[in-house]
């Protein structure tokens, strides 16, 4: 379910909001709301497997937001920003750096390079939020 936010969910919000930046924020929020509860419950269950009886925590089956939610939301937004927002400007920069005519169509190789650079850049920026 979480991965549906990356494709269909993004395009749904893009049609609704019209702005790629606002769309990434809304899609990141939806993705985080879908994944946070399950990830938190999993962490609580795993903690309880190794904790002493005194240190066990109450497992909350449905908890859509809580500690760490903002970091998860920022991570989801940053990671998605690469391919959805930064890719085209980076592809245009690569087109310019290659010396090709700026008015000509961008080649598939340069587009792939822009996608790759954007994903690496935003993936790197989102790493601190994965901790």
Protein backbone atom coordinates (compact mmCIF):
# COMPACT_ATOMS: atom_id res chain seq x y z
CA UNK A 1 0.00 0.00 0.00
CA UNK A 2 2.83 2.41 0.85
CA UNK A 3 4.29 2.24 -2.65
CA UNK A 4 0.99 3.30 -4.23
CA UNK A 5 1.72 6.77 -2.88
CA UNK A 6 4.82 7.02 -5.05
CA UNK A 7 2.93 6.61 -8.33
CA UNK A 8 -0.86 6.84 -8.37
CA UNK A 9 -1.01 8.81 -5.12
CA UNK A 10 1.44 11.38 -6.44
CA UNK A 11 -0.51 11.86 -9.67
CA UNK A 12 -3.79 12.10 -7.75
CA UNK A 13 -2.42 14.90 -5.58
CA UNK A 14 -0.77 16.59 -8.57
CA UNK A 15 -4.16 16.82 -10.31
CA UNK A 16 -5.69 18.11 -7.09
CA UNK A 17 -2.99 20.60 -6.04
CA UNK A 18 -1.26 21.45 -9.33
CA UNK A 19 2.15 22.13 -7.76
CA UNK A 20 4.86 19.44 -7.70
CA UNK A 21 6.26 20.79 -4.42
CA UNK A 22 2.89 20.79 -2.64
CA UNK A 23 2.17 17.40 -4.16
CA UNK A 24 5.39 15.94 -2.71
CA UNK A 25 4.46 17.29 0.74
CA UNK A 26 0.93 15.83 0.55
CA UNK A 27 2.12 12.52 -0.87
CA UNK A 28 4.87 12.28 1.74
CA UNK A 29 2.32 12.90 4.47
CA UNK A 30 0.03 10.18 3.10
CA UNK A 31 2.92 7.73 2.75
CA UNK A 32 4.02 8.45 6.33
CA UNK A 33 0.50 8.04 7.69
CA UNK A 34 0.23 4.66 5.97
CA UNK A 35 3.61 3.36 7.15
CA UNK A 36 4.17 4.88 10.58
CA UNK A 37 1.68 2.80 12.56
CA UNK A 38 2.89 -0.53 11.19
CA UNK A 39 6.57 0.36 11.65
CA UNK A 40 5.97 1.54 15.21
CA UNK A 41 4.02 -1.59 16.12
CA UNK A 42 6.77 -3.75 14.62
CA UNK A 43 9.42 -1.92 16.66
CA UNK A 44 7.35 -2.31 19.84
CA UNK A 45 6.85 -6.03 19.23
CA UNK A 46 10.56 -6.60 18.54
CA UNK A 47 11.54 -4.58 21.62
CA UNK A 48 9.23 -6.72 23.75
CA UNK A 49 10.81 -9.91 22.38
CA UNK A 50 14.20 -9.06 23.86
CA UNK A 51 13.24 -6.83 26.82
CA UNK A 52 12.86 -8.02 30.37
CA UNK A 53 9.31 -8.20 31.66
CA UNK A 54 9.79 -4.93 33.54
CA UNK A 55 11.05 -3.06 30.43
CA UNK A 56 8.32 -4.14 28.01
CA UNK A 57 6.20 -1.44 26.39
CA UNK A 58 2.49 -1.36 25.70
CA UNK A 59 1.85 -2.32 22.07
CA UNK A 60 -0.53 0.10 20.41
CA UNK A 61 -2.07 -1.53 17.35
CA UNK A 62 -3.24 1.71 15.72
CA UNK A 63 -1.11 4.80 16.25
CA UNK A 64 -1.00 6.93 13.07
CA UNK A 65 1.34 9.59 14.52
CA UNK A 66 3.73 9.82 17.44
CA UNK A 67 7.44 10.08 18.25
CA UNK A 68 9.53 10.18 15.10
CA UNK A 69 6.62 10.90 12.75
CA UNK A 70 8.00 14.27 11.64
CA UNK A 71 11.38 12.73 10.79
CA UNK A 72 9.63 10.00 8.78
CA UNK A 73 7.54 12.59 6.95
CA UNK A 74 10.61 14.69 6.12
CA UNK A 75 12.45 11.59 4.91
CA UNK A 76 9.55 10.59 2.66
CA UNK A 77 9.25 14.11 1.24
CA UNK A 78 12.98 14.48 0.63
CA UNK A 79 13.33 11.08 -0.99
CA UNK A 80 10.42 11.74 -3.33
CA UNK A 81 11.62 15.26 -4.16
CA UNK A 82 14.55 13.83 -6.09
CA UNK A 83 12.65 12.09 -8.84
CA UNK A 84 9.57 14.34 -8.78
CA UNK A 85 10.97 17.87 -8.40
CA UNK A 86 14.76 17.99 -8.90
CA UNK A 87 15.11 15.61 -11.84
CA UNK A 88 14.07 17.98 -14.65
CA UNK A 89 16.21 20.96 -13.52
CA UNK A 90 19.23 18.66 -13.18
CA UNK A 91 18.58 17.17 -16.63
CA UNK A 92 18.44 20.70 -18.08
CA UNK A 93 21.74 21.50 -16.35
CA UNK A 94 23.32 18.34 -17.80
CA UNK A 95 21.96 19.32 -21.24
CA UNK A 96 23.58 22.75 -20.86
CA UNK A 97 26.87 21.24 -19.61
CA UNK A 98 27.00 18.87 -22.57
CA UNK A 99 26.93 21.84 -24.94
CA UNK A 100 23.72 20.73 -26.62
CA UNK A 101 21.21 23.28 -27.83
CA UNK A 102 19.00 24.31 -24.92
CA UNK A 103 15.92 24.46 -27.16
CA UNK A 104 16.35 20.87 -28.40
CA UNK A 105 14.67 17.91 -26.75
CA UNK A 106 16.56 16.35 -23.88
CA UNK A 107 17.96 12.95 -24.81
CA UNK A 108 16.94 9.85 -22.84
CA UNK A 109 20.51 9.43 -21.60
CA UNK A 110 20.61 12.94 -20.15
CA UNK A 111 17.15 12.43 -18.63
CA UNK A 112 18.38 9.23 -16.99
CA UNK A 113 21.45 11.09 -15.71
CA UNK A 114 19.23 13.81 -14.24
CA UNK A 115 17.02 11.18 -12.58
CA UNK A 116 20.08 9.43 -11.16
CA UNK A 117 21.71 12.60 -9.83
CA UNK A 118 18.45 13.84 -8.31
CA UNK A 119 17.83 10.50 -6.60
CA UNK A 120 21.38 10.33 -5.22
CA UNK A 121 21.28 13.93 -4.01
CA UNK A 122 17.90 13.67 -2.28
CA UNK A 123 18.64 10.18 -1.00
CA UNK A 124 21.78 11.54 0.63
CA UNK A 125 19.86 14.46 2.16
CA UNK A 126 17.21 12.08 3.53
CA UNK A 127 19.72 9.72 5.21
CA UNK A 128 19.81 11.49 8.60
CA UNK A 129 16.04 11.03 8.87
CA UNK A 130 16.37 7.25 8.48
CA UNK A 131 17.99 6.89 11.88
